[in-house]
Structure formats: structure tokens, C-alpha cells
């Protein structure tokens, strides 16, 4: 098979498949897309990266003159962790993993129907089309996507 399509193989795990995300890079890497399990340790990666990103890059504008100052990072992480533990059970999380090691997570997308909660790709794997691949796998509309969290 010399030509690579967007979906290459169906995996043995339920709902998992290997894809090649983009043709813009010389080196085509395969990505295993799969759903997260409720008791999986990848859930701690999701919570940790999501909370730290929100704390580091809060979506609120603190530059206006009459705005409340930002919460301290530890408090923001704690409060957001509490919020996420309410959001995640009602959401769909798709993981982008190493096809040779499904426990090695490169990124994820969290959605609830047509609502995009959050998308994250580890910095070492950015620029390979993994984020776009996750968005396509989430099945979000092509335009006017509603988001609950600002992402880079």
C-alpha cells in the first residue's frame, strides 16, 4: 500500500483506528485514535494538562482597569480540576496515541456533541497535523464550532 489515506486500518480495540493526519509533512506518522477508558491513567494526563493550560493562559482579560485580579495558579488549578470532573463524565474524549504503544498519548480532544471543550497536543508532537486529525475525528461541524475553553 503506497498511497496513504486518512483511515488506514481498523484497530482491534473498539473504536480505535490508525490514521495519517496530513500530507503537508514529508514524514508521515501514523496515529492511533481511540476513546479513553474511565479508569485509565490517561485521564490524569487530560486533567493535568487541561488545568495547567487554563492556569497558564487564562481566557479572561485582566488588563482592563476594573477587573478582578487573577486567581493564584494553585487555586485556579484546584477549582478547574473540580469543574472538569463534572464536565468529563458527560463528554467524549478521543486520544491520539502511538500506534505501537496505545498507552503513549500524544494529544486529545474533548467534545460534547457539537461543543468543543478542549483540544491538546503535547508540544513535541505539534506541527504534524495531530490537532487537525483530532478535530476531524471528533466530527465537529465545518464552521461555527462552539467552544467552552479557549485553546491555542
N, C-alpha and C. Protein backbone atom coordinates (compact mmCIF):
# COMPACT_ATOMS: atom_id res chain seq x y z
N UNK A 1 0.85 -1.17 0.00
CA UNK A 1 0.00 0.00 0.00
C UNK A 1 0.90 1.23 0.00
N UNK A 2 1.08 1.90 -1.12
CA UNK A 2 1.96 3.05 -1.20
C UNK A 2 1.23 4.35 -0.93
N UNK A 3 -0.03 4.46 -1.31
CA UNK A 3 -0.78 5.68 -1.07
C UNK A 3 -1.44 5.62 0.30
N UNK A 4 -1.26 6.67 1.07
CA UNK A 4 -1.81 6.69 2.42
C UNK A 4 -3.10 7.50 2.43
N UNK A 5 -4.16 6.90 2.92
CA UNK A 5 -5.43 7.60 3.03
C UNK A 5 -5.61 8.05 4.46
N UNK A 6 -6.71 8.77 4.74
CA UNK A 6 -6.91 9.28 6.09
C UNK A 6 -7.17 8.16 7.08
N UNK A 7 -7.86 7.12 6.70
CA UNK A 7 -8.06 5.99 7.58
C UNK A 7 -7.32 4.81 7.01
N UNK A 8 -6.37 4.28 7.76
CA UNK A 8 -5.54 3.19 7.26
C UNK A 8 -6.07 1.84 7.72
N UNK A 9 -6.21 1.64 9.01
CA UNK A 9 -6.66 0.34 9.49
C UNK A 9 -7.64 0.52 10.64
N UNK A 10 -8.49 -0.45 10.79
CA UNK A 10 -9.34 -0.52 11.97
C UNK A 10 -8.57 -1.32 13.00
N UNK A 11 -8.49 -0.81 14.22
CA UNK A 11 -7.75 -1.49 15.26
C UNK A 11 -8.56 -2.58 15.91
N UNK A 12 -7.87 -3.39 16.70
CA UNK A 12 -8.56 -4.46 17.41
C UNK A 12 -9.34 -3.91 18.60
N UNK A 13 -8.94 -2.73 19.10
CA UNK A 13 -9.68 -2.12 20.19
C UNK A 13 -10.95 -1.49 19.62
N UNK A 14 -11.99 -1.49 20.38
CA UNK A 14 -13.25 -0.92 19.93
C UNK A 14 -13.09 0.57 19.68
N UNK A 15 -13.47 1.00 18.48
CA UNK A 15 -13.44 2.42 18.16
C UNK A 15 -12.07 2.99 17.91
N UNK A 16 -11.03 2.19 17.76
CA UNK A 16 -9.70 2.73 17.51
C UNK A 16 -9.33 2.52 16.05
N UNK A 17 -8.51 3.41 15.54
CA UNK A 17 -8.04 3.28 14.17
C UNK A 17 -6.74 4.05 14.01
N UNK A 18 -5.94 3.64 13.05
CA UNK A 18 -4.68 4.32 12.77
C UNK A 18 -4.90 5.22 11.57
N UNK A 19 -4.47 6.47 11.69
CA UNK A 19 -4.62 7.43 10.60
C UNK A 19 -3.30 8.13 10.33
N UNK A 20 -3.17 8.68 9.14
CA UNK A 20 -2.06 9.54 8.78
C UNK A 20 -2.65 10.93 8.63
N UNK A 21 -2.28 11.86 9.51
CA UNK A 21 -3.02 13.10 9.64
C UNK A 21 -2.91 14.10 8.50
N UNK A 22 -1.81 14.17 7.80
CA UNK A 22 -1.64 15.25 6.84
C UNK A 22 -0.66 14.88 5.74
N UNK A 23 -0.78 15.51 4.62
CA UNK A 23 0.17 15.29 3.53
C UNK A 23 1.17 16.43 3.42
N UNK A 24 1.08 17.41 4.33
CA UNK A 24 1.97 18.57 4.22
C UNK A 24 3.35 18.32 4.79
N UNK A 25 3.52 17.26 5.56
CA UNK A 25 4.83 16.92 6.12
C UNK A 25 5.45 15.78 5.32
N UNK A 26 6.76 15.88 5.14
CA UNK A 26 7.49 14.84 4.42
C UNK A 26 7.35 13.50 5.15
N UNK A 27 7.52 13.53 6.47
CA UNK A 27 7.47 12.31 7.26
C UNK A 27 6.04 12.07 7.73
N UNK A 28 5.41 11.05 7.22
CA UNK A 28 4.05 10.72 7.61
C UNK A 28 4.10 9.78 8.82
N UNK A 29 3.53 10.25 9.93
CA UNK A 29 3.49 9.41 11.12
C UNK A 29 2.08 8.86 11.28
N UNK A 30 2.00 7.63 11.70
CA UNK A 30 0.71 7.03 11.97
C UNK A 30 0.26 7.40 13.38
N UNK A 31 -1.03 7.58 13.55
CA UNK A 31 -1.59 7.94 14.85
C UNK A 31 -2.72 6.97 15.16
N UNK A 32 -2.71 6.42 16.34
CA UNK A 32 -3.81 5.59 16.80
C UNK A 32 -4.82 6.49 17.49
N UNK A 33 -6.04 6.55 16.96
CA UNK A 33 -7.12 7.32 17.58
C UNK A 33 -7.99 6.34 18.35
N UNK A 34 -8.21 6.63 19.63
CA UNK A 34 -9.04 5.74 20.44
C UNK A 34 -9.75 6.52 21.53
N UNK A 35 -10.80 5.91 22.06
CA UNK A 35 -11.55 6.53 23.16
C UNK A 35 -10.84 6.23 24.47
N UNK A 36 -11.06 7.08 25.44
CA UNK A 36 -10.45 6.91 26.75
C UNK A 36 -11.33 5.98 27.60
N UNK A 37 -10.70 5.21 28.44
CA UNK A 37 -11.42 4.36 29.39
C UNK A 37 -11.59 5.13 30.70
N UNK A 38 -12.71 4.95 31.42
CA UNK A 38 -12.97 5.74 32.63
C UNK A 38 -11.89 5.63 33.71
N UNK A 39 -11.27 4.46 33.86
CA UNK A 39 -10.28 4.29 34.92
C UNK A 39 -8.84 4.35 34.40
N UNK A 40 -8.67 4.81 33.20
CA UNK A 40 -7.36 4.82 32.56
C UNK A 40 -6.48 5.93 33.13
N UNK A 41 -5.18 5.68 33.15
CA UNK A 41 -4.27 6.70 33.68
C UNK A 41 -4.14 7.89 32.73
N UNK A 42 -4.55 7.73 31.47
CA UNK A 42 -4.53 8.85 30.54
C UNK A 42 -5.47 9.95 31.01
N UNK A 43 -6.46 9.59 31.80
CA UNK A 43 -7.38 10.60 32.34
C UNK A 43 -6.63 11.61 33.21
N UNK A 44 -5.61 11.16 33.93
CA UNK A 44 -4.83 12.10 34.74
C UNK A 44 -4.05 13.06 33.85
N UNK A 45 -3.57 12.59 32.67
CA UNK A 45 -2.91 13.48 31.71
C UNK A 45 -3.89 14.54 31.22
N UNK A 46 -5.11 14.12 30.92
CA UNK A 46 -6.14 15.06 30.44
C UNK A 46 -6.40 16.13 31.50
N UNK A 47 -6.66 15.71 32.72
CA UNK A 47 -6.95 16.67 33.80
C UNK A 47 -5.76 17.59 34.05
N UNK A 48 -4.57 17.02 34.14
CA UNK A 48 -3.37 17.80 34.46
C UNK A 48 -3.05 18.83 33.37
N UNK A 49 -3.03 18.38 32.11
CA UNK A 49 -2.66 19.30 31.02
C UNK A 49 -3.72 20.37 30.82
N UNK A 50 -4.99 20.01 30.94
CA UNK A 50 -6.07 20.96 30.76
C UNK A 50 -6.03 22.03 31.86
N UNK A 51 -5.90 21.61 33.10
CA UNK A 51 -5.86 22.57 34.22
C UNK A 51 -4.64 23.48 34.14
N UNK A 52 -3.49 22.91 33.84
CA UNK A 52 -2.26 23.73 33.76
C UNK A 52 -2.32 24.72 32.61
N UNK A 53 -2.91 24.32 31.48
CA UNK A 53 -3.03 25.23 30.34
C UNK A 53 -3.96 26.39 30.68
N UNK A 54 -5.08 26.11 31.31
CA UNK A 54 -6.02 27.17 31.69
C UNK A 54 -5.38 28.10 32.72
N UNK A 55 -4.64 27.54 33.67
CA UNK A 55 -3.97 28.38 34.68
C UNK A 55 -2.88 29.25 34.06
N UNK A 56 -2.15 28.70 33.10
CA UNK A 56 -1.06 29.44 32.47
C UNK A 56 -1.56 30.48 31.47
N UNK A 57 -2.67 30.18 30.82
CA UNK A 57 -3.22 31.07 29.79
C UNK A 57 -4.72 31.27 30.05
N UNK A 58 -5.07 31.97 31.13
CA UNK A 58 -6.49 32.14 31.43
C UNK A 58 -7.21 32.89 30.31
N UNK A 59 -8.44 32.51 30.04
CA UNK A 59 -9.19 33.13 28.95
C UNK A 59 -9.72 34.52 29.29
N UNK A 60 -9.52 34.97 30.50
CA UNK A 60 -10.06 36.26 30.92
C UNK A 60 -9.05 37.36 30.70
N UNK A 61 -9.54 38.54 30.39
CA UNK A 61 -8.68 39.71 30.14
C UNK A 61 -8.51 40.48 31.44
N UNK A 62 -7.32 40.39 32.01
CA UNK A 62 -7.05 41.08 33.27
C UNK A 62 -6.48 42.48 33.06
N UNK A 63 -6.36 42.91 31.82
CA UNK A 63 -5.76 44.21 31.55
C UNK A 63 -6.74 45.37 31.69
N UNK A 64 -8.04 45.09 31.74
CA UNK A 64 -9.00 46.17 31.89
C UNK A 64 -8.87 46.76 33.30
N UNK A 65 -9.14 48.06 33.44
CA UNK A 65 -8.87 48.73 34.72
C UNK A 65 -9.69 48.23 35.92
N UNK A 66 -10.92 47.82 35.71
CA UNK A 66 -11.76 47.45 36.84
C UNK A 66 -12.00 45.95 36.92
N UNK A 67 -11.00 45.20 36.56
CA UNK A 67 -11.14 43.74 36.54
C UNK A 67 -10.52 43.16 37.81
N UNK A 68 -11.15 42.14 38.31
CA UNK A 68 -10.62 41.44 39.48
C UNK A 68 -9.29 40.79 39.11
N UNK A 69 -8.30 40.84 39.98
CA UNK A 69 -7.02 40.21 39.64
C UNK A 69 -7.17 38.70 39.49
N UNK A 70 -6.26 38.09 38.75
CA UNK A 70 -6.36 36.65 38.51
C UNK A 70 -6.20 35.85 39.80
N UNK A 71 -6.78 34.66 39.80
CA UNK A 71 -6.60 33.74 40.93
C UNK A 71 -5.17 33.23 40.93
N UNK A 72 -4.63 32.92 42.10
CA UNK A 72 -3.30 32.28 42.13
C UNK A 72 -3.36 30.93 41.39
N UNK A 73 -2.27 30.55 40.76
CA UNK A 73 -2.24 29.33 39.95
C UNK A 73 -2.72 28.09 40.71
N UNK A 74 -2.25 27.83 41.93
CA UNK A 74 -2.72 26.62 42.62
C UNK A 74 -4.24 26.61 42.83
N UNK A 75 -4.81 27.76 43.14
CA UNK A 75 -6.25 27.83 43.35
C UNK A 75 -7.00 27.65 42.03
N UNK A 76 -6.49 28.25 40.96
CA UNK A 76 -7.12 28.11 39.64
C UNK A 76 -7.09 26.64 39.21
N UNK A 77 -5.97 25.96 39.42
CA UNK A 77 -5.86 24.54 39.06
C UNK A 77 -6.84 23.71 39.87
N UNK A 78 -6.92 23.97 41.16
CA UNK A 78 -7.84 23.21 42.02
C UNK A 78 -9.29 23.41 41.58
N UNK A 79 -9.69 24.65 41.38
CA UNK A 79 -11.08 24.94 41.00
C UNK A 79 -11.41 24.38 39.62
N UNK A 80 -10.46 24.48 38.70
CA UNK A 80 -10.73 23.98 37.35
C UNK A 80 -10.77 22.45 37.34
N UNK A 81 -9.96 21.82 38.15
CA UNK A 81 -10.00 20.37 38.28
C UNK A 81 -11.39 19.91 38.75
N UNK A 82 -11.94 20.64 39.70
CA UNK A 82 -13.29 20.34 40.19
C UNK A 82 -14.31 20.48 39.08
N UNK A 83 -14.21 21.54 38.30
CA UNK A 83 -15.12 21.76 37.17
C UNK A 83 -14.99 20.66 36.12
N UNK A 84 -13.76 20.29 35.78
CA UNK A 84 -13.54 19.27 34.75
C UNK A 84 -14.08 17.91 35.17
N UNK A 85 -14.02 17.60 36.45
CA UNK A 85 -14.54 16.32 36.92
C UNK A 85 -16.05 16.25 36.80
N UNK A 86 -16.70 17.40 36.60
CA UNK A 86 -18.14 17.43 36.32
C UNK A 86 -18.41 17.38 34.81
N UNK A 87 -17.52 17.96 34.02
CA UNK A 87 -17.69 18.02 32.57
C UNK A 87 -17.35 16.68 31.90
N UNK A 88 -16.24 16.09 32.28
CA UNK A 88 -15.69 14.93 31.58
C UNK A 88 -16.62 13.71 31.54
N UNK A 89 -17.32 13.37 32.61
CA UNK A 89 -18.19 12.18 32.51
C UNK A 89 -19.29 12.29 31.45
N UNK A 90 -19.64 13.51 31.04
CA UNK A 90 -20.69 13.72 30.06
C UNK A 90 -20.13 14.05 28.68
N UNK A 91 -18.83 13.89 28.52
CA UNK A 91 -18.15 14.27 27.28
C UNK A 91 -17.53 13.06 26.60
N UNK A 92 -17.11 13.27 25.37
CA UNK A 92 -16.38 12.25 24.61
C UNK A 92 -14.94 12.71 24.49
N UNK A 93 -14.02 11.86 24.90
CA UNK A 93 -12.59 12.17 24.78
C UNK A 93 -11.98 11.19 23.80
N UNK A 94 -11.32 11.72 22.78
CA UNK A 94 -10.59 10.91 21.81
C UNK A 94 -9.11 11.17 22.00
N UNK A 95 -8.34 10.10 22.16
CA UNK A 95 -6.90 10.20 22.36
C UNK A 95 -6.16 9.95 21.06
N UNK A 96 -5.07 10.68 20.84
CA UNK A 96 -4.14 10.42 19.74
C UNK A 96 -2.93 9.75 20.38
N UNK A 97 -2.67 8.51 19.97
CA UNK A 97 -1.62 7.71 20.62
C UNK A 97 -0.61 7.17 19.62
N UNK A 98 0.50 6.70 20.16
CA UNK A 98 1.50 5.98 19.39
C UNK A 98 0.89 4.64 18.97
N UNK A 99 0.86 4.32 17.66
CA UNK A 99 0.25 3.05 17.23
C UNK A 99 0.94 1.82 17.82
N UNK A 100 2.22 1.95 18.12
CA UNK A 100 2.96 0.82 18.68
C UNK A 100 2.81 0.69 20.19
N UNK A 101 2.33 1.76 20.84
CA UNK A 101 2.13 1.75 22.29
C UNK A 101 0.91 2.60 22.62
N UNK A 102 -0.28 2.02 22.66
CA UNK A 102 -1.51 2.80 22.89
C UNK A 102 -1.56 3.54 24.22
N UNK A 103 -0.65 3.22 25.14
CA UNK A 103 -0.61 3.95 26.41
C UNK A 103 0.18 5.25 26.32
N UNK A 104 0.89 5.46 25.21
CA UNK A 104 1.64 6.69 25.00
C UNK A 104 0.73 7.68 24.27
N UNK A 105 0.26 8.67 25.00
CA UNK A 105 -0.71 9.64 24.48
C UNK A 105 0.02 10.88 23.98
N UNK A 106 -0.28 11.28 22.74
CA UNK A 106 0.32 12.47 22.14
C UNK A 106 -0.60 13.67 22.24
N UNK A 107 -1.90 13.44 22.36
CA UNK A 107 -2.85 14.54 22.45
C UNK A 107 -4.25 14.00 22.62
N UNK A 108 -5.20 14.91 22.75
CA UNK A 108 -6.60 14.51 22.93
C UNK A 108 -7.53 15.64 22.54
N UNK A 109 -8.79 15.29 22.32
CA UNK A 109 -9.84 16.26 22.11
C UNK A 109 -11.02 15.86 23.00
N UNK A 110 -11.65 16.84 23.60
CA UNK A 110 -12.81 16.60 24.47
C UNK A 110 -13.99 17.38 23.89
N UNK A 111 -15.07 16.65 23.56
CA UNK A 111 -16.25 17.26 22.97
C UNK A 111 -17.51 16.77 23.67
N UNK A 112 -18.58 17.51 23.46
CA UNK A 112 -19.90 17.11 23.93
C UNK A 112 -20.87 17.47 22.81
N UNK A 113 -21.15 16.51 21.95
CA UNK A 113 -21.96 16.79 20.76
C UNK A 113 -21.19 17.72 19.84
N UNK A 114 -21.78 18.88 19.49
CA UNK A 114 -21.11 19.86 18.64
C UNK A 114 -20.32 20.89 19.43
N UNK A 115 -20.17 20.70 20.73
CA UNK A 115 -19.42 21.61 21.59
C UNK A 115 -18.00 21.10 21.77
N UNK A 116 -17.03 21.94 21.41
CA UNK A 116 -15.62 21.62 21.62
C UNK A 116 -15.21 22.17 22.98
N UNK A 117 -14.91 21.27 23.91
CA UNK A 117 -14.44 21.72 25.22
C UNK A 117 -12.97 22.10 25.15
N UNK A 118 -12.13 21.16 24.64
CA UNK A 118 -10.70 21.40 24.69
C UNK A 118 -9.98 20.47 23.73
N UNK A 119 -8.90 20.96 23.15
CA UNK A 119 -8.02 20.13 22.33
C UNK A 119 -6.60 20.41 22.77
N UNK A 120 -5.80 19.35 22.87
CA UNK A 120 -4.44 19.49 23.37
C UNK A 120 -3.53 18.51 22.64
N UNK A 121 -2.36 18.98 22.24
CA UNK A 121 -1.31 18.13 21.68
C UNK A 121 -0.02 18.49 22.41
N UNK A 122 0.69 17.47 22.87
CA UNK A 122 1.97 17.71 23.55
C UNK A 122 2.89 18.49 22.63
N UNK A 123 3.67 19.39 23.21
CA UNK A 123 4.48 20.32 22.41
C UNK A 123 5.43 19.60 21.45
N UNK A 124 5.99 18.47 21.82
CA UNK A 124 6.92 17.75 20.95
C UNK A 124 6.25 17.20 19.70
N UNK A 125 4.91 17.09 19.71
CA UNK A 125 4.19 16.50 18.59
C UNK A 125 3.36 17.51 17.81
N UNK A 126 3.53 18.79 18.11
CA UNK A 126 2.80 19.82 17.38
C UNK A 126 3.44 20.02 16.00
N UNK A 127 2.61 20.37 15.02
CA UNK A 127 3.10 20.61 13.66
C UNK A 127 3.03 19.39 12.77
N UNK A 128 2.55 18.27 13.27
CA UNK A 128 2.42 17.05 12.48
C UNK A 128 0.98 16.82 12.02
N UNK A 129 0.08 17.74 12.34
CA UNK A 129 -1.31 17.59 11.93
C UNK A 129 -2.16 16.79 12.89
N UNK A 130 -1.65 16.52 14.07
CA UNK A 130 -2.39 15.71 15.05
C UNK A 130 -3.64 16.45 15.53
N UNK A 131 -3.53 17.74 15.78
CA UNK A 131 -4.68 18.53 16.24
C UNK A 131 -5.81 18.52 15.21
N UNK A 132 -5.47 18.74 13.96
CA UNK A 132 -6.47 18.71 12.89
C UNK A 132 -7.09 17.33 12.76
N UNK A 133 -6.29 16.32 12.91
CA UNK A 133 -6.78 14.95 12.86
C UNK A 133 -7.77 14.68 13.99
N UNK A 134 -7.45 15.17 15.19
CA UNK A 134 -8.36 15.02 16.32
C UNK A 134 -9.67 15.76 16.08
N UNK A 135 -9.59 16.96 15.53
CA UNK A 135 -10.82 17.72 15.24
C UNK A 135 -11.70 16.98 14.23
N UNK A 136 -11.08 16.43 13.18
CA UNK A 136 -11.86 15.67 12.19
C UNK A 136 -12.46 14.42 12.82
N UNK A 137 -11.71 13.77 13.68
CA UNK A 137 -12.21 12.55 14.34
C UNK A 137 -13.37 12.86 15.28
N UNK A 138 -13.39 14.08 15.82
CA UNK A 138 -14.46 14.47 16.74
C UNK A 138 -15.78 14.68 16.02
N UNK A 139 -15.72 14.87 14.70
CA UNK A 139 -16.95 15.03 13.92
C UNK A 139 -17.65 16.35 14.16
N UNK A 140 -16.90 17.38 14.46
CA UNK A 140 -17.48 18.70 14.68
C UNK A 140 -17.88 19.32 13.34
N UNK A 141 -18.84 20.25 13.36
CA UNK A 141 -19.23 20.91 12.11
C UNK A 141 -18.05 21.66 11.49
N UNK A 142 -18.11 21.85 10.17
CA UNK A 142 -17.00 22.51 9.47
C UNK A 142 -16.87 23.98 9.83
N UNK A 143 -17.95 24.60 10.26
CA UNK A 143 -17.89 26.02 10.62
C UNK A 143 -18.71 26.27 11.87
N UNK A 144 -18.49 27.41 12.45
CA UNK A 144 -19.24 27.84 13.64
C UNK A 144 -19.18 26.83 14.79
N UNK A 145 -17.98 26.40 15.12
CA UNK A 145 -17.80 25.49 16.24
C UNK A 145 -17.91 26.29 17.53
N UNK A 146 -18.70 25.79 18.46
CA UNK A 146 -18.85 26.44 19.76
C UNK A 146 -17.82 25.84 20.71
N UNK A 147 -17.12 26.70 21.44
CA UNK A 147 -16.09 26.22 22.36
C UNK A 147 -16.43 26.65 23.79
N UNK A 148 -16.01 25.82 24.74
CA UNK A 148 -16.21 26.18 26.15
C UNK A 148 -14.90 26.65 26.77
N UNK A 149 -13.77 26.35 26.14
CA UNK A 149 -12.46 26.75 26.63
C UNK A 149 -11.65 27.28 25.46
N UNK A 150 -10.93 28.35 25.71
CA UNK A 150 -10.05 28.89 24.68
C UNK A 150 -8.81 28.00 24.60
N UNK A 151 -8.38 27.69 23.40
CA UNK A 151 -7.16 26.91 23.20
C UNK A 151 -6.25 27.67 22.24
N UNK A 152 -4.99 27.35 22.28
CA UNK A 152 -4.02 27.98 21.37
C UNK A 152 -4.28 27.56 19.96
